[in-house]
Amino acid sequence: MDTEEIQHLWARPYGVWFPANPYQPLAEPERLATVLNQDGHPDHAELWLAIAPIN
C-alpha cells in the first residue's frame, strides 16, 4: 500500500461512514494493519476504530 491509499483508508470512515451512521469515534487507540499475501507482499490494509452510539 502506498501513502495515498492509506490516506484514503483514513478519509473514508470520517468522510462517509460516520456521517451516514449513528456512531461516533472514541478517543481510543486506532489500529492500522497491513495484511500480507502469501508472497509476503502487502495485499490490503485494515483500519480498526473504537466507536460508540451517538446519544
PDB file of N, CA and C in Angstrom:
ATOM      1  N   MET A   1       0.852  -1.174   0.000  1.00  0.00           N
ATOM      2  CA  MET A   1       0.000   0.000   0.000  1.00  0.00           C
ATOM      3  C   MET A   1       0.894   1.232   0.000  1.00  0.00           C
ATOM      4  N   ASP A   2       0.490   2.188  -0.793  1.00  0.00           N
ATOM      5  CA  ASP A   2       1.259   3.420  -0.794  1.00  0.00           C
ATOM      6  C   ASP A   2       0.589   4.443   0.123  1.00  0.00           C
ATOM      7  N   THR A   3       1.249   5.568   0.308  1.00  0.00           N
ATOM      8  CA  THR A   3       0.777   6.605   1.229  1.00  0.00           C
ATOM      9  C   THR A   3      -0.611   7.111   0.854  1.00  0.00           C
ATOM     10  N   GLU A   4      -0.874   7.273  -0.434  1.00  0.00           N
ATOM     11  CA  GLU A   4      -2.177   7.775  -0.873  1.00  0.00           C
ATOM     12  C   GLU A   4      -3.303   6.799  -0.521  1.00  0.00           C
ATOM     13  N   GLU A   5      -3.059   5.513  -0.681  1.00  0.00           N
ATOM     14  CA  GLU A   5      -4.074   4.519  -0.334  1.00  0.00           C
ATOM     15  C   GLU A   5      -4.371   4.537   1.167  1.00  0.00           C
ATOM     16  N   ILE A   6      -3.347   4.720   1.971  1.00  0.00           N
ATOM     17  CA  ILE A   6      -3.545   4.791   3.425  1.00  0.00           C
ATOM     18  C   ILE A   6      -4.318   6.050   3.795  1.00  0.00           C
ATOM     19  N   GLN A   7      -4.044   7.166   3.147  1.00  0.00           N
ATOM     20  CA  GLN A   7      -4.796   8.393   3.409  1.00  0.00           C
ATOM     21  C   GLN A   7      -6.272   8.207   3.072  1.00  0.00           C
ATOM     22  N   HIS A   8      -6.559   7.531   1.966  1.00  0.00           N
ATOM     23  CA  HIS A   8      -7.954   7.269   1.602  1.00  0.00           C
ATOM     24  C   HIS A   8      -8.607   6.330   2.612  1.00  0.00           C
ATOM     25  N   LEU A   9      -7.841   5.412   3.141  1.00  0.00           N
ATOM     26  CA  LEU A   9      -8.369   4.497   4.144  1.00  0.00           C
ATOM     27  C   LEU A   9      -8.840   5.266   5.374  1.00  0.00           C
ATOM     28  N   TRP A  10      -8.101   6.280   5.789  1.00  0.00           N
ATOM     29  CA  TRP A  10      -8.495   7.102   6.929  1.00  0.00           C
ATOM     30  C   TRP A  10      -9.641   8.042   6.584  1.00  0.00           C
ATOM     31  N   ALA A  11      -9.672   8.552   5.365  1.00  0.00           N
ATOM     32  CA  ALA A  11     -10.696   9.529   4.977  1.00  0.00           C
ATOM     33  C   ALA A  11     -12.083   8.893   4.880  1.00  0.00           C
ATOM     34  N   ARG A  12     -12.164   7.665   4.457  1.00  0.00           N
ATOM     35  CA  ARG A  12     -13.460   7.013   4.239  1.00  0.00           C
ATOM     36  C   ARG A  12     -14.348   6.963   5.478  1.00  0.00           C
ATOM     37  N   PRO A  13     -13.867   6.492   6.644  1.00  0.00           N
ATOM     38  CA  PRO A  13     -14.775   6.438   7.794  1.00  0.00           C
ATOM     39  C   PRO A  13     -15.233   7.822   8.249  1.00  0.00           C
ATOM     40  N   TYR A  14     -14.332   8.792   8.233  1.00  0.00           N
ATOM     41  CA  TYR A  14     -14.688  10.124   8.718  1.00  0.00           C
ATOM     42  C   TYR A  14     -15.482  10.922   7.692  1.00  0.00           C
ATOM     43  N   GLY A  15     -15.257  10.687   6.419  1.00  0.00           N
ATOM     44  CA  GLY A  15     -15.955  11.440   5.382  1.00  0.00           C
ATOM     45  C   GLY A  15     -17.238  10.797   4.899  1.00  0.00           C
ATOM     46  N   VAL A  16     -17.354   9.465   5.049  1.00  0.00           N
ATOM     47  CA  VAL A  16     -18.515   8.757   4.507  1.00  0.00           C
ATOM     48  C   VAL A  16     -19.262   7.985   5.600  1.00  0.00           C
ATOM     49  N   TRP A  17     -18.553   7.130   6.311  1.00  0.00           N
ATOM     50  CA  TRP A  17     -19.236   6.211   7.222  1.00  0.00           C
ATOM     51  C   TRP A  17     -19.843   6.905   8.432  1.00  0.00           C
ATOM     52  N   PHE A  18     -19.056   7.698   9.171  1.00  0.00           N
ATOM     53  CA  PHE A  18     -19.599   8.351  10.368  1.00  0.00           C
ATOM     54  C   PHE A  18     -20.767   9.280  10.053  1.00  0.00           C
ATOM     55  N   PRO A  19     -20.707  10.122   9.008  1.00  0.00           N
ATOM     56  CA  PRO A  19     -21.859  10.980   8.716  1.00  0.00           C
ATOM     57  C   PRO A  19     -23.136  10.202   8.365  1.00  0.00           C
ATOM     58  N   ALA A  20     -23.016   8.984   7.876  1.00  0.00           N
ATOM     59  CA  ALA A  20     -24.180   8.214   7.442  1.00  0.00           C
ATOM     60  C   ALA A  20     -24.680   7.227   8.495  1.00  0.00           C
ATOM     61  N   ASN A  21     -24.017   7.133   9.642  1.00  0.00           N
ATOM     62  CA  ASN A  21     -24.383   6.158  10.663  1.00  0.00           C
ATOM     63  C   ASN A  21     -24.472   6.823  12.027  1.00  0.00           C
ATOM     64  N   PRO A  22     -25.256   6.254  12.945  1.00  0.00           N
ATOM     65  CA  PRO A  22     -25.437   6.864  14.267  1.00  0.00           C
ATOM     66  C   PRO A  22     -24.328   6.489  15.264  1.00  0.00           C
ATOM     67  N   TYR A  23     -23.089   6.589  14.834  1.00  0.00           N
ATOM     68  CA  TYR A  23     -21.949   6.264  15.692  1.00  0.00           C
ATOM     69  C   TYR A  23     -20.933   7.394  15.656  1.00  0.00           C
ATOM     70  N   GLN A  24     -20.119   7.428  16.676  1.00  0.00           N
ATOM     71  CA  GLN A  24     -19.046   8.409  16.741  1.00  0.00           C
ATOM     72  C   GLN A  24     -17.753   7.705  17.126  1.00  0.00           C
ATOM     73  N   PRO A  25     -16.620   8.250  16.696  1.00  0.00           N
ATOM     74  CA  PRO A  25     -15.352   7.645  17.101  1.00  0.00           C
ATOM     75  C   PRO A  25     -15.061   7.948  18.569  1.00  0.00           C
ATOM     76  N   LEU A  26     -14.430   7.032  19.241  1.00  0.00           N
ATOM     77  CA  LEU A  26     -13.993   7.237  20.624  1.00  0.00           C
ATOM     78  C   LEU A  26     -12.537   7.676  20.639  1.00  0.00           C
ATOM     79  N   ALA A  27     -12.164   8.361  21.686  1.00  0.00           N
ATOM     80  CA  ALA A  27     -10.772   8.792  21.844  1.00  0.00           C
ATOM     81  C   ALA A  27      -9.954   7.625  22.398  1.00  0.00           C
ATOM     82  N   GLU A  28      -9.846   6.595  21.627  1.00  0.00           N
ATOM     83  CA  GLU A  28      -9.113   5.382  21.976  1.00  0.00           C
ATOM     84  C   GLU A  28      -8.081   5.124  20.886  1.00  0.00           C
ATOM     85  N   PRO A  29      -7.109   4.286  21.147  1.00  0.00           N
ATOM     86  CA  PRO A  29      -6.123   3.973  20.103  1.00  0.00           C
ATOM     87  C   PRO A  29      -6.781   3.355  18.876  1.00  0.00           C
ATOM     88  N   GLU A  30      -6.265   3.718  17.715  1.00  0.00           N
ATOM     89  CA  GLU A  30      -6.696   3.113  16.463  1.00  0.00           C
ATOM     90  C   GLU A  30      -5.655   2.079  16.065  1.00  0.00           C
ATOM     91  N   ARG A  31      -6.064   1.189  15.184  1.00  0.00           N
ATOM     92  CA  ARG A  31      -5.122   0.181  14.703  1.00  0.00           C
ATOM     93  C   ARG A  31      -5.166   0.168  13.183  1.00  0.00           C
ATOM     94  N   LEU A  32      -4.010   0.288  12.590  1.00  0.00           N
ATOM     95  CA  LEU A  32      -3.867   0.172  11.143  1.00  0.00           C
ATOM     96  C   LEU A  32      -2.972  -1.034  10.895  1.00  0.00           C
ATOM     97  N   ALA A  33      -3.511  -2.026  10.210  1.00  0.00           N
ATOM     98  CA  ALA A  33      -2.759  -3.254   9.963  1.00  0.00           C
ATOM     99  C   ALA A  33      -2.615  -3.469   8.463  1.00  0.00           C
ATOM    100  N   THR A  34      -1.421  -3.782   8.030  1.00  0.00           N
ATOM    101  CA  THR A  34      -1.187  -4.161   6.641  1.00  0.00           C
ATOM    102  C   THR A  34      -1.197  -5.679   6.567  1.00  0.00           C
ATOM    103  N   VAL A  35      -2.071  -6.214   5.744  1.00  0.00           N
ATOM    104  CA  VAL A  35      -2.203  -7.657   5.582  1.00  0.00           C
ATOM    105  C   VAL A  35      -1.360  -8.079   4.382  1.00  0.00           C
ATOM    106  N   LEU A  36      -0.513  -9.053   4.591  1.00  0.00           N
ATOM    107  CA  LEU A  36       0.382  -9.514   3.538  1.00  0.00           C
ATOM    108  C   LEU A  36      -0.215 -10.707   2.796  1.00  0.00           C
ATOM    109  N   ASN A  37       0.143 -10.847   1.527  1.00  0.00           N
ATOM    110  CA  ASN A  37      -0.296 -12.013   0.751  1.00  0.00           C
ATOM    111  C   ASN A  37       0.655 -13.175   1.021  1.00  0.00           C
ATOM    112  N   GLN A  38       0.473 -14.278   0.353  1.00  0.00           N
ATOM    113  CA  GLN A  38       1.286 -15.477   0.589  1.00  0.00           C
ATOM    114  C   GLN A  38       2.757 -15.258   0.241  1.00  0.00           C
ATOM    115  N   ASP A  39       3.028 -14.295  -0.645  1.00  0.00           N
ATOM    116  CA  ASP A  39       4.410 -13.996  -1.023  1.00  0.00           C
ATOM    117  C   ASP A  39       5.081 -12.997  -0.083  1.00  0.00           C
ATOM    118  N   GLY A  40       4.337 -12.520   0.913  1.00  0.00           N
ATOM    119  CA  GLY A  40       4.890 -11.574   1.862  1.00  0.00           C
ATOM    120  C   GLY A  40       4.806 -10.122   1.415  1.00  0.00           C
ATOM    121  N   HIS A  41       4.049  -9.867   0.353  1.00  0.00           N
ATOM    122  CA  HIS A  41       3.876  -8.501  -0.127  1.00  0.00           C
ATOM    123  C   HIS A  41       2.554  -7.936   0.393  1.00  0.00           C
ATOM    124  N   PRO A  42       2.472  -6.614   0.594  1.00  0.00           N
ATOM    125  CA  PRO A  42       1.220  -6.020   1.074  1.00  0.00           C
ATOM    126  C   PRO A  42       0.048  -6.349   0.147  1.00  0.00           C
ATOM    127  N   ASP A  43      -1.027  -6.831   0.732  1.00  0.00           N
ATOM    128  CA  ASP A  43      -2.226  -7.172  -0.022  1.00  0.00           C
ATOM    129  C   ASP A  43      -3.295  -6.099   0.167  1.00  0.00           C
ATOM    130  N   HIS A  44      -3.585  -5.780   1.424  1.00  0.00           N
ATOM    131  CA  HIS A  44      -4.541  -4.721   1.746  1.00  0.00           C
ATOM    132  C   HIS A  44      -4.290  -4.268   3.183  1.00  0.00           C
ATOM    133  N   ALA A  45      -4.955  -3.197   3.549  1.00  0.00           N
ATOM    134  CA  ALA A  45      -4.821  -2.678   4.912  1.00  0.00           C
ATOM    135  C   ALA A  45      -6.187  -2.658   5.571  1.00  0.00           C
ATOM    136  N   GLU A  46      -6.182  -2.767   6.886  1.00  0.00           N
ATOM    137  CA  GLU A  46      -7.401  -2.707   7.682  1.00  0.00           C
ATOM    138  C   GLU A  46      -7.224  -1.623   8.730  1.00  0.00           C
ATOM    139  N   LEU A  47      -8.256  -0.813   8.888  1.00  0.00           N
ATOM    140  CA  LEU A  47      -8.265   0.248   9.894  1.00  0.00           C
ATOM    141  C   LEU A  47      -9.334  -0.103  10.908  1.00  0.00           C
ATOM    142  N   TRP A  48      -8.965  -0.176  12.163  1.00  0.00           N
ATOM    143  CA  TRP A  48      -9.884  -0.504  13.229  1.00  0.00           C
ATOM    144  C   TRP A  48     -10.021   0.715  14.129  1.00  0.00           C
ATOM    145  N   LEU A  49     -11.255   1.163  14.330  1.00  0.00           N
ATOM    146  CA  LEU A  49     -11.549   2.324  15.152  1.00  0.00           C
ATOM    147  C   LEU A  49     -12.512   1.932  16.261  1.00  0.00           C
ATOM    148  N   ALA A  50     -12.317   2.491  17.444  1.00  0.00           N
ATOM    149  CA  ALA A  50     -13.282   2.296  18.532  1.00  0.00           C
ATOM    150  C   ALA A  50     -14.436   3.265  18.284  1.00  0.00           C
ATOM    151  N   ILE A  51     -15.665   2.754  18.401  1.00  0.00           N
ATOM    152  CA  ILE A  51     -16.834   3.583  18.148  1.00  0.00           C
ATOM    153  C   ILE A  51     -17.862   3.407  19.267  1.00  0.00           C
ATOM    154  N   ALA A  52     -18.810   4.336  19.331  1.00  0.00           N
ATOM    155  CA  ALA A  52     -19.904   4.269  20.283  1.00  0.00           C
ATOM    156  C   ALA A  52     -21.124   4.900  19.645  1.00  0.00           C
ATOM    157  N   PRO A  53     -22.313   4.476  20.045  1.00  0.00           N
ATOM    158  CA  PRO A  53     -23.527   5.107  19.520  1.00  0.00           C
ATOM    159  C   PRO A  53     -23.571   6.578  19.926  1.00  0.00           C
ATOM    160  N   ILE A  54     -24.150   7.387  19.070  1.00  0.00           N
ATOM    161  CA  ILE A  54     -24.357   8.795  19.396  1.00  0.00           C
ATOM    162  C   ILE A  54     -25.578   8.875  20.293  1.00  0.00           C
ATOM    163  N   ASN A  55     -25.443   9.544  21.424  1.00  0.00           N
ATOM    164  CA  ASN A  55     -26.575   9.680  22.358  1.00  0.00           C
ATOM    165  C   ASN A  55     -27.353  10.928  22.068  1.00  0.00           C
TER     166      ASN A  55
END
